[in-house]
Amino acid sequence: MPMLLDVLLLEDDPGKKNRLLEFLNSKKGELFGKVDTALSVGDTLGRLKTHRYDLLIVDVIVPAVLGGVAHESHSIDLFMQIDEAVDIQRPRFSVAISASDQLS
């Protein structure tokens, strides 16, 4: 049996999140095992403190905290914190995604 990847998806847009979850869940048991979601950088860091994910998928434009303003600098900060923090479990693989054409 192949190893199934545990996935954490950081996406704050409900429509995009649902489309991505539909795809991830369609491959559940084949490629993916546990699939969790986060809505902000803070939420993501909290989950990384309690679980080691194989794959972290991050929307580039997300809020730092729940209900905050989404900005691309927050995802950059997230990756920097993942690199520097000692109290989180780093994912094996990370990928940044975006549907925006207005990234600076």
PDB file of N, CA and C in Angstrom:
ATOM      1  N   MET A   1       0.847  -1.187   0.000  1.00  0.00           N
ATOM      2  CA  MET A   1       0.000   0.000   0.000  1.00  0.00           C
ATOM      3  C   MET A   1       0.890   1.247   0.000  1.00  0.00           C
ATOM      4  N   PRO A   2       0.622   2.218  -0.892  1.00  0.00           N
ATOM      5  CA  PRO A   2       1.439   3.429  -0.946  1.00  0.00           C
ATOM      6  C   PRO A   2       1.199   4.308   0.281  1.00  0.00           C
ATOM      7  N   MET A   3       2.210   5.131   0.609  1.00  0.00           N
ATOM      8  CA  MET A   3       2.066   6.072   1.710  1.00  0.00           C
ATOM      9  C   MET A   3       1.097   7.181   1.300  1.00  0.00           C
ATOM     10  N   LEU A   4       0.133   7.451   2.141  1.00  0.00           N
ATOM     11  CA  LEU A   4      -0.823   8.523   1.873  1.00  0.00           C
ATOM     12  C   LEU A   4      -0.335   9.798   2.543  1.00  0.00           C
ATOM     13  N   LEU A   5      -0.450  10.905   1.839  1.00  0.00           N
ATOM     14  CA  LEU A   5       0.015  12.187   2.348  1.00  0.00           C
ATOM     15  C   LEU A   5      -1.048  12.870   3.199  1.00  0.00           C
ATOM     16  N   ASP A   6      -0.665  13.283   4.408  1.00  0.00           N
ATOM     17  CA  ASP A   6      -1.528  14.139   5.218  1.00  0.00           C
ATOM     18  C   ASP A   6      -1.334  15.563   4.736  1.00  0.00           C
ATOM     19  N   VAL A   7      -2.440  16.263   4.477  1.00  0.00           N
ATOM     20  CA  VAL A   7      -2.400  17.577   3.829  1.00  0.00           C
ATOM     21  C   VAL A   7      -3.017  18.634   4.737  1.00  0.00           C
ATOM     22  N   LEU A   8      -2.376  19.804   4.764  1.00  0.00           N
ATOM     23  CA  LEU A   8      -2.962  20.987   5.377  1.00  0.00           C
ATOM     24  C   LEU A   8      -3.108  22.033   4.280  1.00  0.00           C
ATOM     25  N   LEU A   9      -4.330  22.497   4.084  1.00  0.00           N
ATOM     26  CA  LEU A   9      -4.651  23.494   3.063  1.00  0.00           C
ATOM     27  C   LEU A   9      -4.962  24.816   3.740  1.00  0.00           C
ATOM     28  N   LEU A  10      -4.189  25.853   3.430  1.00  0.00           N
ATOM     29  CA  LEU A  10      -4.455  27.212   3.905  1.00  0.00           C
ATOM     30  C   LEU A  10      -5.117  27.982   2.782  1.00  0.00           C
ATOM     31  N   GLU A  11      -6.408  28.201   2.919  1.00  0.00           N
ATOM     32  CA  GLU A  11      -7.198  28.927   1.910  1.00  0.00           C
ATOM     33  C   GLU A  11      -8.354  29.600   2.627  1.00  0.00           C
ATOM     34  N   ASP A  12      -8.474  30.923   2.477  1.00  0.00           N
ATOM     35  CA  ASP A  12      -9.533  31.655   3.161  1.00  0.00           C
ATOM     36  C   ASP A  12     -10.755  31.924   2.290  1.00  0.00           C
ATOM     37  N   ASP A  13     -10.646  31.734   0.998  1.00  0.00           N
ATOM     38  CA  ASP A  13     -11.779  31.962   0.097  1.00  0.00           C
ATOM     39  C   ASP A  13     -12.626  30.697   0.037  1.00  0.00           C
ATOM     40  N   PRO A  14     -13.893  30.770   0.481  1.00  0.00           N
ATOM     41  CA  PRO A  14     -14.726  29.556   0.548  1.00  0.00           C
ATOM     42  C   PRO A  14     -14.880  28.835  -0.791  1.00  0.00           C
ATOM     43  N   GLY A  15     -15.047  29.572  -1.881  1.00  0.00           N
ATOM     44  CA  GLY A  15     -15.224  28.940  -3.190  1.00  0.00           C
ATOM     45  C   GLY A  15     -13.986  28.176  -3.624  1.00  0.00           C
ATOM     46  N   LYS A  16     -12.819  28.823  -3.512  1.00  0.00           N
ATOM     47  CA  LYS A  16     -11.573  28.151  -3.892  1.00  0.00           C
ATOM     48  C   LYS A  16     -11.278  26.985  -2.958  1.00  0.00           C
ATOM     49  N   LYS A  17     -11.542  27.192  -1.669  1.00  0.00           N
ATOM     50  CA  LYS A  17     -11.291  26.126  -0.700  1.00  0.00           C
ATOM     51  C   LYS A  17     -12.136  24.903  -1.029  1.00  0.00           C
ATOM     52  N   ASN A  18     -13.397  25.107  -1.348  1.00  0.00           N
ATOM     53  CA  ASN A  18     -14.275  23.976  -1.670  1.00  0.00           C
ATOM     54  C   ASN A  18     -13.829  23.241  -2.930  1.00  0.00           C
ATOM     55  N   ARG A  19     -13.378  23.989  -3.939  1.00  0.00           N
ATOM     56  CA  ARG A  19     -12.888  23.340  -5.163  1.00  0.00           C
ATOM     57  C   ARG A  19     -11.628  22.520  -4.889  1.00  0.00           C
ATOM     58  N   LEU A  20     -10.715  23.077  -4.106  1.00  0.00           N
ATOM     59  CA  LEU A  20      -9.485  22.350  -3.772  1.00  0.00           C
ATOM     60  C   LEU A  20      -9.793  21.127  -2.911  1.00  0.00           C
ATOM     61  N   LEU A  21     -10.699  21.279  -1.950  1.00  0.00           N
ATOM     62  CA  LEU A  21     -11.072  20.138  -1.110  1.00  0.00           C
ATOM     63  C   LEU A  21     -11.749  19.040  -1.923  1.00  0.00           C
ATOM     64  N   GLU A  22     -12.544  19.435  -2.897  1.00  0.00           N
ATOM     65  CA  GLU A  22     -13.189  18.452  -3.770  1.00  0.00           C
ATOM     66  C   GLU A  22     -12.137  17.606  -4.485  1.00  0.00           C
ATOM     67  N   PHE A  23     -11.095  18.275  -5.003  1.00  0.00           N
ATOM     68  CA  PHE A  23     -10.024  17.540  -5.669  1.00  0.00           C
ATOM     69  C   PHE A  23      -9.263  16.658  -4.686  1.00  0.00           C
ATOM     70  N   LEU A  24      -8.845  17.228  -3.565  1.00  0.00           N
ATOM     71  CA  LEU A  24      -8.071  16.466  -2.583  1.00  0.00           C
ATOM     72  C   LEU A  24      -8.863  15.257  -2.083  1.00  0.00           C
ATOM     73  N   ASN A  25     -10.136  15.461  -1.807  1.00  0.00           N
ATOM     74  CA  ASN A  25     -10.963  14.356  -1.314  1.00  0.00           C
ATOM     75  C   ASN A  25     -11.232  13.309  -2.388  1.00  0.00           C
ATOM     76  N   SER A  26     -11.199  13.716  -3.657  1.00  0.00           N
ATOM     77  CA  SER A  26     -11.399  12.740  -4.740  1.00  0.00           C
ATOM     78  C   SER A  26     -10.219  11.778  -4.833  1.00  0.00           C
ATOM     79  N   LYS A  27      -9.074  12.183  -4.300  1.00  0.00           N
ATOM     80  CA  LYS A  27      -7.856  11.349  -4.305  1.00  0.00           C
ATOM     81  C   LYS A  27      -7.569  10.761  -2.925  1.00  0.00           C
ATOM     82  N   LYS A  28      -8.500  10.945  -1.993  1.00  0.00           N
ATOM     83  CA  LYS A  28      -8.317  10.426  -0.638  1.00  0.00           C
ATOM     84  C   LYS A  28      -8.300   8.899  -0.691  1.00  0.00           C
ATOM     85  N   GLY A  29      -7.339   8.326  -0.018  1.00  0.00           N
ATOM     86  CA  GLY A  29      -7.186   6.881  -0.042  1.00  0.00           C
ATOM     87  C   GLY A  29      -6.298   6.400  -1.165  1.00  0.00           C
ATOM     88  N   GLU A  30      -6.107   7.247  -2.167  1.00  0.00           N
ATOM     89  CA  GLU A  30      -5.239   6.935  -3.298  1.00  0.00           C
ATOM     90  C   GLU A  30      -3.906   7.677  -3.154  1.00  0.00           C
ATOM     91  N   LEU A  31      -3.984   9.006  -2.919  1.00  0.00           N
ATOM     92  CA  LEU A  31      -2.788   9.831  -2.721  1.00  0.00           C
ATOM     93  C   LEU A  31      -2.755  10.485  -1.345  1.00  0.00           C
ATOM     94  N   PHE A  32      -3.936  10.855  -0.862  1.00  0.00           N
ATOM     95  CA  PHE A  32      -4.014  11.638   0.362  1.00  0.00           C
ATOM     96  C   PHE A  32      -4.713  10.862   1.472  1.00  0.00           C
ATOM     97  N   GLY A  33      -4.241  11.121   2.689  1.00  0.00           N
ATOM     98  CA  GLY A  33      -4.883  10.565   3.873  1.00  0.00           C
ATOM     99  C   GLY A  33      -5.724  11.658   4.513  1.00  0.00           C
ATOM    100  N   LYS A  34      -5.259  12.154   5.641  1.00  0.00           N
ATOM    101  CA  LYS A  34      -5.941  13.220   6.370  1.00  0.00           C
ATOM    102  C   LYS A  34      -5.820  14.532   5.596  1.00  0.00           C
ATOM    103  N   VAL A  35      -6.929  15.252   5.460  1.00  0.00           N
ATOM    104  CA  VAL A  35      -6.934  16.563   4.801  1.00  0.00           C
ATOM    105  C   VAL A  35      -7.572  17.555   5.767  1.00  0.00           C
ATOM    106  N   ASP A  36      -6.761  18.509   6.244  1.00  0.00           N
ATOM    107  CA  ASP A  36      -7.237  19.554   7.151  1.00  0.00           C
ATOM    108  C   ASP A  36      -7.180  20.898   6.446  1.00  0.00           C
ATOM    109  N   THR A  37      -7.938  21.857   6.976  1.00  0.00           N
ATOM    110  CA  THR A  37      -7.921  23.203   6.412  1.00  0.00           C
ATOM    111  C   THR A  37      -7.611  24.225   7.495  1.00  0.00           C
ATOM    112  N   ALA A  38      -7.049  25.346   7.054  1.00  0.00           N
ATOM    113  CA  ALA A  38      -6.782  26.491   7.912  1.00  0.00           C
ATOM    114  C   ALA A  38      -7.227  27.735   7.153  1.00  0.00           C
ATOM    115  N   LEU A  39      -7.620  28.772   7.910  1.00  0.00           N
ATOM    116  CA  LEU A  39      -8.135  29.987   7.294  1.00  0.00           C
ATOM    117  C   LEU A  39      -7.202  31.185   7.415  1.00  0.00           C
ATOM    118  N   SER A  40      -6.127  31.043   8.185  1.00  0.00           N
ATOM    119  CA  SER A  40      -5.190  32.148   8.389  1.00  0.00           C
ATOM    120  C   SER A  40      -3.810  31.594   8.707  1.00  0.00           C
ATOM    121  N   VAL A  41      -2.822  32.477   8.701  1.00  0.00           N
ATOM    122  CA  VAL A  41      -1.463  32.073   9.062  1.00  0.00           C
ATOM    123  C   VAL A  41      -1.427  31.580  10.502  1.00  0.00           C
ATOM    124  N   GLY A  42      -2.090  32.308  11.401  1.00  0.00           N
ATOM    125  CA  GLY A  42      -2.119  31.902  12.803  1.00  0.00           C
ATOM    126  C   GLY A  42      -2.727  30.527  12.990  1.00  0.00           C
ATOM    127  N   ASP A  43      -3.815  30.267  12.298  1.00  0.00           N
ATOM    128  CA  ASP A  43      -4.484  28.965  12.346  1.00  0.00           C
ATOM    129  C   ASP A  43      -3.543  27.875  11.835  1.00  0.00           C
ATOM    130  N   THR A  44      -2.827  28.167  10.763  1.00  0.00           N
ATOM    131  CA  THR A  44      -1.887  27.209  10.175  1.00  0.00           C
ATOM    132  C   THR A  44      -0.772  26.875  11.154  1.00  0.00           C
ATOM    133  N   LEU A  45      -0.174  27.899  11.760  1.00  0.00           N
ATOM    134  CA  LEU A  45       0.912  27.669  12.706  1.00  0.00           C
ATOM    135  C   LEU A  45       0.432  26.851  13.906  1.00  0.00           C
ATOM    136  N   GLY A  46      -0.783  27.107  14.344  1.00  0.00           N
ATOM    137  CA  GLY A  46      -1.343  26.328  15.447  1.00  0.00           C
ATOM    138  C   GLY A  46      -1.468  24.858  15.087  1.00  0.00           C
ATOM    139  N   ARG A  47      -1.913  24.569  13.886  1.00  0.00           N
ATOM    140  CA  ARG A  47      -2.047  23.179  13.451  1.00  0.00           C
ATOM    141  C   ARG A  47      -0.686  22.509  13.280  1.00  0.00           C
ATOM    142  N   LEU A  48       0.320  23.286  12.831  1.00  0.00           N
ATOM    143  CA  LEU A  48       1.657  22.724  12.653  1.00  0.00           C
ATOM    144  C   LEU A  48       2.335  22.423  13.995  1.00  0.00           C
ATOM    145  N   LYS A  49       1.812  22.982  15.063  1.00  0.00           N
ATOM    146  CA  LYS A  49       2.351  22.683  16.396  1.00  0.00           C
ATOM    147  C   LYS A  49       1.859  21.331  16.907  1.00  0.00           C
ATOM    148  N   THR A  50       0.735  20.864  16.367  1.00  0.00           N
ATOM    149  CA  THR A  50       0.140  19.639  16.901  1.00  0.00           C
ATOM    150  C   THR A  50       0.170  18.453  15.947  1.00  0.00           C
ATOM    151  N   HIS A  51       0.492  18.680  14.689  1.00  0.00           N
ATOM    152  CA  HIS A  51       0.453  17.589  13.713  1.00  0.00           C
ATOM    153  C   HIS A  51       1.539  17.802  12.662  1.00  0.00           C
ATOM    154  N   ARG A  52       2.179  16.726  12.261  1.00  0.00           N
ATOM    155  CA  ARG A  52       3.162  16.818  11.163  1.00  0.00           C
ATOM    156  C   ARG A  52       2.455  16.454   9.863  1.00  0.00           C
ATOM    157  N   TYR A  53       2.389  17.410   8.964  1.00  0.00           N
ATOM    158  CA  TYR A  53       1.767  17.204   7.663  1.00  0.00           C
ATOM    159  C   TYR A  53       2.837  16.863   6.634  1.00  0.00           C
ATOM    160  N   ASP A  54       2.453  16.057   5.678  1.00  0.00           N
ATOM    161  CA  ASP A  54       3.352  15.733   4.579  1.00  0.00           C
ATOM    162  C   ASP A  54       3.365  16.846   3.535  1.00  0.00           C
ATOM    163  N   LEU A  55       2.207  17.481   3.337  1.00  0.00           N
ATOM    164  CA  LEU A  55       2.061  18.501   2.303  1.00  0.00           C
ATOM    165  C   LEU A  55       1.297  19.694   2.856  1.00  0.00           C
ATOM    166  N   LEU A  56       1.883  20.871   2.705  1.00  0.00           N
ATOM    167  CA  LEU A  56       1.230  22.132   3.059  1.00  0.00           C
ATOM    168  C   LEU A  56       0.963  22.887   1.765  1.00  0.00           C
ATOM    169  N   ILE A  57      -0.311  23.186   1.515  1.00  0.00           N
ATOM    170  CA  ILE A  57      -0.711  23.961   0.339  1.00  0.00           C
ATOM    171  C   ILE A  57      -1.174  25.321   0.844  1.00  0.00           C
ATOM    172  N   VAL A  58      -0.528  26.382   0.373  1.00  0.00           N
ATOM    173  CA  VAL A  58      -0.788  27.726   0.891  1.00  0.00           C
ATOM    174  C   VAL A  58      -1.230  28.651  -0.236  1.00  0.00           C
ATOM    175  N   ASP A  59      -2.402  29.249  -0.072  1.00  0.00           N
ATOM    176  CA  ASP A  59      -2.796  30.331  -0.970  1.00  0.00           C
ATOM    177  C   ASP A  59      -1.862  31.502  -0.682  1.00  0.00           C
ATOM    178  N   VAL A  60      -1.413  32.184  -1.690  1.00  0.00           N
ATOM    179  CA  VAL A  60      -0.439  33.258  -1.515  1.00  0.00           C
ATOM    180  C   VAL A  60      -1.050  34.452  -0.786  1.00  0.00           C
ATOM    181  N   ILE A  61      -2.310  34.748  -1.036  1.00  0.00           N
ATOM    182  CA  ILE A  61      -2.941  35.924  -0.439  1.00  0.00           C
ATOM    183  C   ILE A  61      -3.914  35.461   0.647  1.00  0.00           C
ATOM    184  N   VAL A  62      -3.442  35.558   1.905  1.00  0.00           N
ATOM    185  CA  VAL A  62      -4.222  35.086   3.058  1.00  0.00           C
ATOM    186  C   VAL A  62      -4.092  36.077   4.209  1.00  0.00           C
ATOM    187  N   PRO A  63      -5.030  36.014   5.173  1.00  0.00           N
ATOM    188  CA  PRO A  63      -4.906  36.877   6.350  1.00  0.00           C
ATOM    189  C   PRO A  63      -3.925  36.294   7.370  1.00  0.00           C
ATOM    190  N   ALA A  64      -3.340  37.163   8.162  1.00  0.00           N
ATOM    191  CA  ALA A  64      -2.446  36.712   9.232  1.00  0.00           C
ATOM    192  C   ALA A  64      -3.249  36.071  10.358  1.00  0.00           C
ATOM    193  N   VAL A  65      -4.422  36.650  10.654  1.00  0.00           N
ATOM    194  CA  VAL A  65      -5.294  36.143  11.711  1.00  0.00           C
ATOM    195  C   VAL A  65      -6.713  36.004  11.178  1.00  0.00           C
ATOM    196  N   LEU A  66      -7.510  35.189  11.832  1.00  0.00           N
ATOM    197  CA  LEU A  66      -8.905  35.013  11.413  1.00  0.00           C
ATOM    198  C   LEU A  66      -9.615  36.362  11.375  1.00  0.00           C
ATOM    199  N   GLY A  67     -10.266  36.646  10.257  1.00  0.00           N
ATOM    200  CA  GLY A  67     -10.988  37.895  10.092  1.00  0.00           C
ATOM    201  C   GLY A  67     -10.123  39.062   9.668  1.00  0.00           C
ATOM    202  N   GLY A  68      -8.821  38.850   9.540  1.00  0.00           N
ATOM    203  CA  GLY A  68      -7.911  39.916   9.136  1.00  0.00           C
ATOM    204  C   GLY A  68      -7.924  40.144   7.635  1.00  0.00           C
ATOM    205  N   VAL A  69      -7.168  41.134   7.215  1.00  0.00           N
ATOM    206  CA  VAL A  69      -7.053  41.473   5.803  1.00  0.00           C
ATOM    207  C   VAL A  69      -6.046  40.544   5.136  1.00  0.00           C
ATOM    208  N   ALA A  70      -6.428  39.980   4.008  1.00  0.00           N
ATOM    209  CA  ALA A  70      -5.540  39.074   3.274  1.00  0.00           C
ATOM    210  C   ALA A  70      -4.504  39.873   2.506  1.00  0.00           C
ATOM    211  N   HIS A  71      -3.256  39.394   2.551  1.00  0.00           N
ATOM    212  CA  HIS A  71      -2.159  40.050   1.825  1.00  0.00           C
ATOM    213  C   HIS A  71      -1.078  39.012   1.561  1.00  0.00           C
ATOM    214  N   GLU A  72      -0.364  39.183   0.454  1.00  0.00           N
ATOM    215  CA  GLU A  72       0.670  38.216   0.080  1.00  0.00           C
ATOM    216  C   GLU A  72       1.832  38.183   1.069  1.00  0.00           C
ATOM    217  N   SER A  73       2.085  39.265   1.784  1.00  0.00           N
ATOM    218  CA  SER A  73       3.193  39.280   2.744  1.00  0.00           C
ATOM    219  C   SER A  73       2.969  38.269   3.873  1.00  0.00           C
ATOM    220  N   HIS A  74       1.717  37.953   4.158  1.00  0.00           N
ATOM    221  CA  HIS A  74       1.424  37.006   5.236  1.00  0.00           C
ATOM    222  C   HIS A  74       1.888  35.596   4.896  1.00  0.00           C
ATOM    223  N   SER A  75       1.727  35.180   3.650  1.00  0.00           N
ATOM    224  CA  SER A  75       2.202  33.842   3.278  1.00  0.00           C
ATOM    225  C   SER A  75       3.732  33.793   3.292  1.00  0.00           C
ATOM    226  N   ILE A  76       4.370  34.879   2.921  1.00  0.00           N
ATOM    227  CA  ILE A  76       5.836  34.938   2.996  1.00  0.00           C
ATOM    228  C   ILE A  76       6.278  34.827   4.447  1.00  0.00           C
ATOM    229  N   ASP A  77       5.597  35.566   5.329  1.00  0.00           N
ATOM    230  CA  ASP A  77       5.895  35.481   6.765  1.00  0.00           C
ATOM    231  C   ASP A  77       5.698  34.059   7.281  1.00  0.00           C
ATOM    232  N   LEU A  78       4.652  33.393   6.804  1.00  0.00           N
ATOM    233  CA  LEU A  78       4.399  32.015   7.225  1.00  0.00           C
ATOM    234  C   LEU A  78       5.584  31.123   6.900  1.00  0.00           C
ATOM    235  N   PHE A  79       6.066  31.191   5.667  1.00  0.00           N
ATOM    236  CA  PHE A  79       7.186  30.340   5.278  1.00  0.00           C
ATOM    237  C   PHE A  79       8.455  30.686   6.060  1.00  0.00           C
ATOM    238  N   MET A  80       8.643  31.957   6.377  1.00  0.00           N
ATOM    239  CA  MET A  80       9.791  32.339   7.187  1.00  0.00           C
ATOM    240  C   MET A  80       9.667  31.766   8.600  1.00  0.00           C
ATOM    241  N   GLN A  81       8.460  31.817   9.155  1.00  0.00           N
ATOM    242  CA  GLN A  81       8.247  31.265  10.489  1.00  0.00           C
ATOM    243  C   GLN A  81       8.433  29.745  10.498  1.00  0.00           C
ATOM    244  N   ILE A  82       8.006  29.087   9.448  1.00  0.00           N
ATOM    245  CA  ILE A  82       8.205  27.639   9.350  1.00  0.00           C
ATOM    246  C   ILE A  82       9.696  27.320   9.344  1.00  0.00           C
ATOM    247  N   ASP A  83      10.473  28.119   8.632  1.00  0.00           N
ATOM    248  CA  ASP A  83      11.920  27.903   8.565  1.00  0.00           C
ATOM    249  C   ASP A  83      12.605  28.164   9.900  1.00  0.00           C
ATOM    250  N   GLU A  84      12.116  29.144  10.663  1.00  0.00           N
ATOM    251  CA  GLU A  84      12.814  29.591  11.860  1.00  0.00           C
ATOM    252  C   GLU A  84      12.280  29.018  13.167  1.00  0.00           C
ATOM    253  N   ALA A  85      11.038  28.627  13.221  1.00  0.00           N
ATOM    254  CA  ALA A  85      10.421  28.210  14.483  1.00  0.00           C
ATOM    255  C   ALA A  85      10.950  26.855  14.946  1.00  0.00           C
ATOM    256  N   VAL A  86      11.049  26.719  16.251  1.00  0.00           N
ATOM    257  CA  VAL A  86      11.494  25.443  16.827  1.00  0.00           C
ATOM    258  C   VAL A  86      10.329  24.662  17.435  1.00  0.00           C
ATOM    259  N   ASP A  87       9.187  25.307  17.551  1.00  0.00           N
ATOM    260  CA  ASP A  87       8.051  24.662  18.209  1.00  0.00           C
ATOM    261  C   ASP A  87       6.974  24.171  17.243  1.00  0.00           C
ATOM    262  N   ILE A  88       7.295  24.064  15.962  1.00  0.00           N
ATOM    263  CA  ILE A  88       6.336  23.528  14.994  1.00  0.00           C
ATOM    264  C   ILE A  88       6.949  22.316  14.295  1.00  0.00           C
ATOM    265  N   GLN A  89       6.084  21.525  13.707  1.00  0.00           N
ATOM    266  CA  GLN A  89       6.515  20.360  12.942  1.00  0.00           C
ATOM    267  C   GLN A  89       6.469  20.736  11.464  1.00  0.00           C
ATOM    268  N   ARG A  90       7.622  20.863  10.862  1.00  0.00           N
ATOM    269  CA  ARG A  90       7.696  21.302   9.472  1.00  0.00           C
ATOM    270  C   ARG A  90       7.089  20.255   8.534  1.00  0.00           C
ATOM    271  N   PRO A  91       6.296  20.711   7.571  1.00  0.00           N
ATOM    272  CA  PRO A  91       5.778  19.767   6.572  1.00  0.00           C
ATOM    273  C   PRO A  91       6.913  19.250   5.691  1.00  0.00           C
ATOM    274  N   ARG A  92       6.744  18.048   5.169  1.00  0.00           N
ATOM    275  CA  ARG A  92       7.756  17.482   4.273  1.00  0.00           C
ATOM    276  C   ARG A  92       7.837  18.279   2.973  1.00  0.00           C
ATOM    277  N   PHE A  93       6.683  18.698   2.457  1.00  0.00           N
ATOM    278  CA  PHE A  93       6.612  19.445   1.197  1.00  0.00           C
ATOM    279  C   PHE A  93       5.670  20.630   1.385  1.00  0.00           C
ATOM    280  N   SER A  94       5.964  21.734   0.702  1.00  0.00           N
ATOM    281  CA  SER A  94       5.108  22.919   0.729  1.00  0.00           C
ATOM    282  C   SER A  94       4.967  23.453  -0.684  1.00  0.00           C
ATOM    283  N   VAL A  95       3.792  23.968  -0.964  1.00  0.00           N
ATOM    284  CA  VAL A  95       3.559  24.581  -2.266  1.00  0.00           C
ATOM    285  C   VAL A  95       2.665  25.810  -2.077  1.00  0.00           C
ATOM    286  N   ALA A  96       3.024  26.893  -2.758  1.00  0.00           N
ATOM    287  CA  ALA A  96       2.221  28.108  -2.738  1.00  0.00           C
ATOM    288  C   ALA A  96       1.422  28.190  -4.028  1.00  0.00           C
ATOM    289  N   ILE A  97       0.153  28.567  -3.915  1.00  0.00           N
ATOM    290  CA  ILE A  97      -0.724  28.666  -5.075  1.00  0.00           C
ATOM    291  C   ILE A  97      -1.441  30.011  -5.060  1.00  0.00           C
ATOM    292  N   SER A  98      -1.875  30.462  -6.226  1.00  0.00           N
ATOM    293  CA  SER A  98      -2.670  31.680  -6.286  1.00  0.00           C
ATOM    294  C   SER A  98      -3.411  31.768  -7.611  1.00  0.00           C
ATOM    295  N   ALA A  99      -4.613  32.293  -7.524  1.00  0.00           N
ATOM    296  CA  ALA A  99      -5.385  32.559  -8.726  1.00  0.00           C
ATOM    297  C   ALA A  99      -5.293  34.042  -9.082  1.00  0.00           C
ATOM    298  N   SER A 100      -4.586  34.827  -8.266  1.00  0.00           N
ATOM    299  CA  SER A 100      -4.491  36.263  -8.482  1.00  0.00           C
ATOM    300  C   SER A 100      -3.494  36.609  -9.565  1.00  0.00           C
ATOM    301  N   ASP A 101      -3.834  37.632 -10.337  1.00  0.00           N
ATOM    302  CA  ASP A 101      -2.894  38.140 -11.329  1.00  0.00           C
ATOM    303  C   ASP A 101      -2.336  39.492 -10.888  1.00  0.00           C
ATOM    304  N   GLN A 102      -2.537  39.826  -9.617  1.00  0.00           N
ATOM    305  CA  GLN A 102      -2.107  41.121  -9.108  1.00  0.00           C
ATOM    306  C   GLN A 102      -1.054  41.007  -8.016  1.00  0.00           C
ATOM    307  N   LEU A 103      -0.225  39.974  -8.075  1.00  0.00           N
ATOM    308  CA  LEU A 103       0.837  39.822  -7.071  1.00  0.00           C
ATOM    309  C   LEU A 103       1.952  40.807  -7.383  1.00  0.00           C
ATOM    310  N   SER A 104       2.549  41.360  -6.340  1.00  0.00           N
ATOM    311  CA  SER A 104       3.647  42.312  -6.560  1.00  0.00           C
ATOM    312  C   SER A 104       4.988  41.629  -6.434  1.00  0.00           C
TER     313      SER A 104
END
